[in-house]
Amino acid sequence: MRQRLPAQHYIDGILAGDRLVLSQSITLVESRRIDDQDIAQQALEAVLPQTGNSIRIGITGVPGVGKSTFIEAFGTYLTQQSHRLAVLTVDPTSQRSGGSLLGDKTRMETLSMNPNAYIRPSPAGDSLGGVAHRTRETILFCEAAGFDTILVETVGVGQSETVVHGMVDFFLLLMLAGAGDELQGMKRGIMELADALVITKADGDNKEAANRARVEYQNALHLFPPTGTGWFPPVLTCSALPIQSATPVGITDVWEMIAEHQRLTTQNGTRVHRRQEQQLTWFRSLLRQRLEGRFFDQPGIREQLTQLENQVLSGTLLPSPAVDRLLKQSPGST
């Protein structure tokens, strides 16, 4: 049986910026063991006063858009500007897809060896809600360890974009040009979440197409209702490919845009409000998850559920009375 270290070991290591202890602490957060979770929560509560000082940036985009290449270039630029960067991924589908996370880390090989950068994949094969809670707690640990910029990348597609938007200060949507009808191919909902769009691979023969796409997307964004933050999402172009030893084209512009967004939202108070809303959403989501878990862990509930599901499947019982019957039969009901 593995000997468990006291919470103070993790607290001291995190606050000292020890990467090994940081990784061990995140592993505790990801663990399903109750004793591991208890230690992780003790550590989180202790380091909480040292959190919240980073810029949290979400990055998403369709497969093939070049997220890993962009993050490598963007992250390298940030570390050159004396920032300490943590890159986290949200991928609830990695088990089903065979696991792309190691591939992503390999593609970010230069950044992963950078002493001022830390890359941490999310746990594979977990539910989206579970990954979301762990990623939020991982963000807090990284902030307490001294990382001032947190990139949260969505690897899976679908609901993960909404989840990541709910834990960051700035949500960046990477887009491709020349890949068909871009405006119809992109979900309106994801575009509405974005604080900015960046057209990637704007180099060589693709540069003209990228500029055309930029104008099309900018016009499309004008059709969306205002965000209420005083910020209108801009559309930029960039190439993550380095030109000799210079910073890739457009990378500096992306960072300056994010910094301007942070200045504006800090001044008008919407940044604080956004984080407060995110905390409340996290609380409510966690509460629902815990209540659901407790309900189904009650003796006999799963057997009753199976019987009722069979009746619903056969058409002998409608869903609404089936739910009422399950709740009435629950040992915890009155």
Protein backbone atom coordinates (compact mmCIF):
# COMPACT_ATOMS: atom_id res chain seq x y z
CA MET A 1 0.00 0.00 0.00
CA ARG A 2 1.36 3.42 -1.02
CA GLN A 3 2.21 5.68 1.88
CA ARG A 4 0.40 8.99 1.70
CA LEU A 5 2.29 12.17 2.46
CA PRO A 6 0.62 14.84 4.63
CA ALA A 7 -1.13 17.79 3.01
CA GLN A 8 1.61 20.14 4.25
CA HIS A 9 4.11 18.42 1.96
CA TYR A 10 2.05 19.42 -1.07
CA ILE A 11 1.29 22.90 0.27
CA ASP A 12 4.98 23.70 0.85
CA GLY A 13 6.05 22.24 -2.50
CA ILE A 14 3.42 24.11 -4.51
CA LEU A 15 4.15 27.45 -2.88
CA ALA A 16 7.87 26.87 -3.53
CA GLY A 17 7.15 26.28 -7.22
CA ASP A 18 8.30 22.65 -7.12
CA ARG A 19 7.05 21.12 -10.40
CA LEU A 20 7.29 17.55 -9.17
CA VAL A 21 5.12 18.31 -6.15
CA LEU A 22 2.74 20.30 -8.37
CA SER A 23 2.32 17.27 -10.63
CA GLN A 24 1.80 15.01 -7.61
CA SER A 25 -0.83 17.41 -6.26
CA ILE A 26 -2.71 17.41 -9.57
CA THR A 27 -2.59 13.60 -9.55
CA LEU A 28 -4.31 13.71 -6.14
CA VAL A 29 -7.01 15.98 -7.59
CA GLU A 30 -7.55 13.50 -10.43
CA SER A 31 -7.68 10.50 -8.10
CA ARG A 32 -11.02 8.87 -7.25
CA ARG A 33 -9.75 7.75 -3.83
CA ILE A 34 -11.45 9.55 -0.96
CA ASP A 35 -8.22 9.88 1.06
CA ASP A 36 -6.43 11.41 -1.96
CA GLN A 37 -9.31 13.84 -2.46
CA ASP A 38 -9.22 14.84 1.22
CA ILE A 39 -5.51 15.70 1.01
CA ALA A 40 -6.03 17.56 -2.28
CA GLN A 41 -8.84 19.66 -0.81
CA GLN A 42 -6.76 20.50 2.28
CA ALA A 43 -3.94 21.65 0.01
CA LEU A 44 -6.31 23.67 -2.18
CA GLU A 45 -7.80 25.50 0.79
CA ALA A 46 -4.32 26.31 2.14
CA VAL A 47 -2.97 27.73 -1.14
CA LEU A 48 -6.19 29.53 -2.12
CA PRO A 49 -4.93 32.98 -0.97
CA GLN A 50 -2.09 32.67 -3.53
CA THR A 51 -4.44 31.99 -6.47
CA GLY A 52 -6.39 34.15 -8.90
CA ASN A 53 -3.49 36.30 -10.10
CA SER A 54 -3.07 34.78 -13.56
CA ILE A 55 -4.63 35.49 -16.94
CA ARG A 56 -6.68 32.43 -17.86
CA ILE A 57 -6.98 31.92 -21.62
CA GLY A 58 -9.11 29.29 -23.32
CA ILE A 59 -8.13 28.11 -26.80
CA THR A 60 -10.32 26.06 -29.12
CA GLY A 61 -10.64 25.32 -32.83
CA VAL A 62 -11.60 22.65 -35.30
CA PRO A 63 -9.25 19.68 -35.86
CA GLY A 64 -6.42 20.63 -38.19
CA VAL A 65 -6.52 24.31 -37.30
CA GLY A 66 -3.06 24.03 -35.74
CA LYS A 67 -3.78 24.47 -32.03
CA SER A 68 -0.59 22.75 -30.91
CA THR A 69 1.56 24.73 -33.35
CA PHE A 70 -0.12 27.97 -32.27
CA ILE A 71 0.28 27.19 -28.56
CA GLU A 72 3.94 26.31 -29.11
CA ALA A 73 4.61 29.64 -30.83
CA PHE A 74 2.39 31.68 -28.50
CA GLY A 75 3.78 29.98 -25.39
CA THR A 76 7.37 30.45 -26.51
CA TYR A 77 6.71 34.15 -27.07
CA LEU A 78 5.15 34.53 -23.62
CA THR A 79 8.09 32.85 -21.88
CA GLN A 80 10.45 35.16 -23.80
CA GLN A 81 8.47 38.04 -22.26
CA SER A 82 9.28 36.63 -18.78
CA HIS A 83 5.86 35.06 -18.25
CA ARG A 84 5.49 31.69 -16.55
CA LEU A 85 3.07 29.57 -18.53
CA ALA A 86 0.94 26.51 -17.73
CA VAL A 87 -0.83 24.67 -20.56
CA LEU A 88 -3.76 22.46 -19.55
CA THR A 89 -5.96 20.37 -21.80
CA VAL A 90 -9.63 19.40 -21.51
CA ASP A 91 -10.31 16.17 -23.38
CA PRO A 92 -13.09 13.90 -22.09
CA THR A 93 -12.97 11.87 -25.33
CA SER A 94 -9.30 10.86 -25.37
CA GLN A 95 -9.97 7.29 -24.25
CA ARG A 96 -12.46 6.75 -27.05
CA SER A 97 -10.22 8.30 -29.71
CA GLY A 98 -7.18 6.32 -28.64
CA GLY A 99 -5.58 9.19 -26.76
CA SER A 100 -4.24 12.16 -28.68
CA LEU A 101 -2.78 13.90 -25.65
CA LEU A 102 0.68 12.39 -25.85
CA GLY A 103 0.76 13.33 -29.52
CA ASP A 104 -0.12 16.91 -28.64
CA LYS A 105 2.63 17.01 -26.03
CA THR A 106 5.10 15.63 -28.57
CA ARG A 107 4.11 18.33 -31.08
CA MET A 108 4.77 20.91 -28.35
CA GLU A 109 8.15 19.34 -27.65
CA THR A 110 10.08 22.62 -27.53
CA LEU A 111 7.59 24.23 -25.18
CA SER A 112 7.44 21.17 -22.92
CA MET A 113 11.21 21.48 -22.35
CA ASN A 114 10.98 25.22 -21.61
CA PRO A 115 11.84 25.87 -17.93
CA ASN A 116 9.16 28.58 -17.77
CA ALA A 117 6.39 26.39 -19.20
CA TYR A 118 4.43 23.51 -17.73
CA ILE A 119 2.19 21.21 -19.81
CA ARG A 120 -0.41 18.99 -18.16
CA PRO A 121 -2.90 16.80 -20.07
CA SER A 122 -6.31 16.13 -18.55
CA PRO A 123 -7.21 12.63 -17.34
CA ALA A 124 -8.40 10.36 -20.14
CA GLY A 125 -11.76 8.66 -20.33
CA ASP A 126 -13.51 10.79 -17.72
CA SER A 127 -16.86 12.53 -17.94
CA LEU A 128 -16.87 16.13 -19.11
CA GLY A 129 -18.11 17.33 -15.72
CA GLY A 130 -15.36 15.43 -13.90
CA VAL A 131 -12.65 16.78 -16.17
CA ALA A 132 -14.02 20.30 -15.74
CA HIS A 133 -13.87 20.19 -11.93
CA ARG A 134 -10.34 18.77 -11.99
CA THR A 135 -9.18 21.38 -14.50
CA ARG A 136 -10.53 24.23 -12.35
CA GLU A 137 -8.64 22.88 -9.34
CA THR A 138 -5.52 22.34 -11.45
CA ILE A 139 -5.68 26.01 -12.48
CA LEU A 140 -5.64 27.02 -8.81
CA PHE A 141 -2.65 24.81 -8.05
CA CYS A 142 -0.74 26.22 -11.06
CA GLU A 143 -1.48 29.80 -9.98
CA ALA A 144 -0.30 29.07 -6.44
CA ALA A 145 2.90 27.59 -7.92
CA GLY A 146 3.65 30.93 -9.59
CA PHE A 147 2.34 30.54 -13.14
CA ASP A 148 0.93 33.90 -14.25
CA THR A 149 -0.56 32.77 -17.57
CA ILE A 150 -2.78 29.68 -17.91
CA LEU A 151 -3.76 28.30 -21.33
CA VAL A 152 -6.68 25.84 -21.28
CA GLU A 153 -6.93 23.98 -24.58
CA THR A 154 -9.98 22.01 -25.71
CA VAL A 155 -8.88 18.81 -27.41
CA GLY A 156 -12.30 17.18 -27.61
CA VAL A 157 -15.12 18.79 -29.56
CA GLY A 158 -18.71 19.62 -28.58
CA GLN A 159 -19.58 20.67 -25.04
CA SER A 160 -15.94 21.09 -24.01
CA GLU A 161 -15.89 24.57 -25.57
CA THR A 162 -18.70 25.74 -23.29
CA VAL A 163 -17.02 24.19 -20.26
CA VAL A 164 -13.67 25.85 -20.98
CA HIS A 165 -15.37 29.20 -21.61
CA GLY A 166 -16.76 28.86 -18.09
CA MET A 167 -13.33 28.78 -16.46
CA VAL A 168 -11.26 31.40 -18.33
CA ASP A 169 -10.97 35.19 -18.63
CA PHE A 170 -10.48 35.19 -22.39
CA PHE A 171 -11.78 32.65 -24.92
CA LEU A 172 -9.85 32.45 -28.21
CA LEU A 173 -11.29 30.68 -31.23
CA LEU A 174 -8.80 29.56 -33.89
CA MET A 175 -10.17 29.30 -37.43
CA LEU A 176 -8.97 28.11 -40.83
CA ALA A 177 -9.32 29.92 -44.13
CA GLY A 178 -9.95 28.22 -47.44
CA ALA A 179 -11.54 25.12 -45.91
CA GLY A 180 -14.92 25.50 -47.56
CA ASP A 181 -17.79 27.69 -46.41
CA GLU A 182 -16.35 28.77 -43.09
CA LEU A 183 -19.35 30.73 -41.87
CA GLN A 184 -21.82 27.89 -42.33
CA GLY A 185 -19.37 25.26 -41.11
CA MET A 186 -18.79 26.91 -37.73
CA LYS A 187 -21.38 26.60 -35.00
CA ARG A 188 -22.93 29.95 -34.19
CA GLY A 189 -22.89 29.08 -30.48
CA ILE A 190 -19.11 28.70 -30.38
CA MET A 191 -18.57 31.96 -32.25
CA GLU A 192 -20.81 33.74 -29.75
CA LEU A 193 -18.61 32.49 -26.91
CA ALA A 194 -15.40 33.83 -28.47
CA ASP A 195 -13.70 36.98 -27.19
CA ALA A 196 -11.64 36.95 -30.39
CA LEU A 197 -11.12 34.93 -33.56
CA VAL A 198 -7.71 34.21 -35.03
CA ILE A 199 -7.28 32.92 -38.59
CA THR A 200 -4.29 30.57 -38.48
CA LYS A 201 -1.82 29.54 -41.19
CA ALA A 202 -1.90 33.02 -42.75
CA ASP A 203 1.30 32.51 -44.71
CA GLY A 204 2.44 31.75 -48.25
CA ASP A 205 -0.35 31.12 -50.75
CA ASN A 206 -2.89 31.05 -47.93
CA LYS A 207 -2.26 34.63 -46.82
CA GLU A 208 -4.79 36.20 -49.20
CA ALA A 209 -7.48 33.65 -48.27
CA ALA A 210 -6.84 34.33 -44.59
CA ASN A 211 -7.36 38.06 -45.08
CA ARG A 212 -10.62 37.42 -46.95
CA ALA A 213 -11.79 35.12 -44.18
CA ARG A 214 -10.92 37.77 -41.59
CA VAL A 215 -13.25 40.27 -43.26
CA GLU A 216 -16.04 37.68 -43.59
CA TYR A 217 -15.83 36.68 -39.95
CA GLN A 218 -15.65 40.29 -38.76
CA ASN A 219 -18.82 41.07 -40.74
CA ALA A 220 -20.53 37.98 -39.33
CA LEU A 221 -19.67 38.96 -35.75
CA HIS A 222 -21.47 42.29 -36.23
CA LEU A 223 -24.71 40.30 -36.53
CA PHE A 224 -24.35 38.92 -33.01
CA PRO A 225 -25.82 40.78 -30.00
CA PRO A 226 -23.36 42.84 -27.92
CA THR A 227 -21.64 41.01 -25.07
CA GLY A 228 -22.34 43.67 -22.46
CA THR A 229 -18.68 43.86 -21.48
CA GLY A 230 -17.77 46.85 -23.65
CA TRP A 231 -15.59 44.54 -25.77
CA PHE A 232 -16.26 43.73 -29.42
CA PRO A 233 -14.54 40.51 -30.55
CA PRO A 234 -11.83 41.32 -33.11
CA VAL A 235 -10.61 38.99 -35.87
CA LEU A 236 -6.86 38.64 -36.39
CA THR A 237 -4.64 36.58 -38.65
CA CYS A 238 -1.42 34.86 -37.70
CA SER A 239 1.17 32.35 -38.82
CA ALA A 240 2.72 30.20 -36.13
CA LEU A 241 5.63 29.30 -38.40
CA PRO A 242 8.86 31.06 -37.36
CA ILE A 243 10.58 33.26 -39.92
CA GLN A 244 14.30 32.76 -39.31
CA SER A 245 14.72 33.72 -35.63
CA ALA A 246 11.88 36.26 -35.50
CA THR A 247 8.60 35.86 -33.63
CA PRO A 248 5.95 34.26 -35.89
CA VAL A 249 3.70 36.78 -37.65
CA GLY A 250 0.70 37.92 -35.64
CA ILE A 251 1.63 36.27 -32.33
CA THR A 252 2.56 39.59 -30.70
CA ASP A 253 -0.73 41.10 -31.89
CA VAL A 254 -2.70 38.28 -30.28
CA TRP A 255 -1.05 38.84 -26.90
CA GLU A 256 -1.47 42.63 -27.08
CA MET A 257 -5.15 42.11 -27.89
CA ILE A 258 -5.61 39.82 -24.86
CA ALA A 259 -3.78 42.30 -22.63
CA GLU A 260 -6.05 45.12 -23.87
CA HIS A 261 -9.11 42.98 -23.10
CA GLN A 262 -7.83 42.40 -19.57
CA ARG A 263 -7.21 46.13 -19.05
CA LEU A 264 -10.71 47.02 -20.25
CA THR A 265 -12.55 44.31 -18.29
CA THR A 266 -10.53 45.05 -15.15
CA GLN A 267 -11.38 48.75 -15.35
CA ASN A 268 -15.12 48.24 -15.94
CA GLY A 269 -15.43 45.39 -13.44
CA THR A 270 -16.62 42.71 -15.87
CA ARG A 271 -13.52 40.55 -15.30
CA VAL A 272 -14.30 40.21 -11.58
CA HIS A 273 -17.99 39.64 -12.34
CA ARG A 274 -17.14 36.92 -14.87
CA ARG A 275 -14.98 35.08 -12.35
CA GLN A 276 -17.66 35.38 -9.67
CA GLU A 277 -20.25 33.89 -12.05
CA GLN A 278 -17.84 31.08 -12.91
CA GLN A 279 -17.35 30.27 -9.23
CA LEU A 280 -21.11 30.13 -8.69
CA THR A 281 -21.60 27.91 -11.75
CA TRP A 282 -18.82 25.61 -10.49
CA PHE A 283 -20.51 25.39 -7.08
CA ARG A 284 -23.92 24.57 -8.56
CA SER A 285 -22.50 22.02 -10.98
CA LEU A 286 -20.53 20.29 -8.21
CA LEU A 287 -23.59 20.30 -5.96
CA ARG A 288 -25.72 18.63 -8.65
CA GLN A 289 -23.01 16.04 -9.25
CA ARG A 290 -22.68 15.22 -5.54
CA LEU A 291 -26.46 15.03 -5.01
CA GLU A 292 -26.85 12.74 -8.00
CA GLY A 293 -24.05 10.50 -6.76
CA ARG A 294 -25.56 10.27 -3.27
CA PHE A 295 -29.01 9.48 -4.65
CA PHE A 296 -27.83 6.59 -6.82
CA ASP A 297 -25.57 5.24 -4.06
CA GLN A 298 -28.59 4.61 -1.82
CA PRO A 299 -29.36 0.90 -1.25
CA GLY A 300 -31.77 -0.56 -3.76
CA ILE A 301 -32.00 2.52 -5.97
CA ARG A 302 -30.15 1.07 -8.95
CA GLU A 303 -32.32 -2.09 -8.90
CA GLN A 304 -35.47 0.04 -8.83
CA LEU A 305 -34.05 2.18 -11.62
CA THR A 306 -33.47 -0.88 -13.81
CA GLN A 307 -37.05 -2.09 -13.29
CA LEU A 308 -38.51 1.32 -14.12
CA GLU A 309 -36.29 1.71 -17.19
CA ASN A 310 -37.56 -1.64 -18.51
CA GLN A 311 -41.15 -0.48 -18.04
CA VAL A 312 -40.40 2.79 -19.85
CA LEU A 313 -38.71 0.87 -22.68
CA SER A 314 -41.68 -1.47 -23.06
CA GLY A 315 -44.12 1.43 -23.13
CA THR A 316 -46.05 0.33 -20.03
CA LEU A 317 -44.95 3.36 -18.01
CA LEU A 318 -44.44 6.98 -19.04
CA PRO A 319 -41.17 8.74 -18.03
CA SER A 320 -42.78 11.33 -15.74
CA PRO A 321 -44.62 8.89 -13.42
CA ALA A 322 -41.55 6.64 -13.54
CA VAL A 323 -39.44 9.45 -12.10
CA ASP A 324 -42.09 10.19 -9.45
CA ARG A 325 -42.21 6.53 -8.48
CA LEU A 326 -38.40 6.32 -8.17
CA LEU A 327 -38.26 9.42 -6.00
CA LYS A 328 -41.08 8.14 -3.75
CA GLN A 329 -39.34 4.78 -3.35
CA SER A 330 -36.03 6.42 -2.48
CA PRO A 331 -34.94 5.61 1.09
CA GLY A 332 -34.17 9.30 1.58
CA SER A 333 -37.64 10.49 0.54
CA THR A 334 -40.27 11.59 3.01
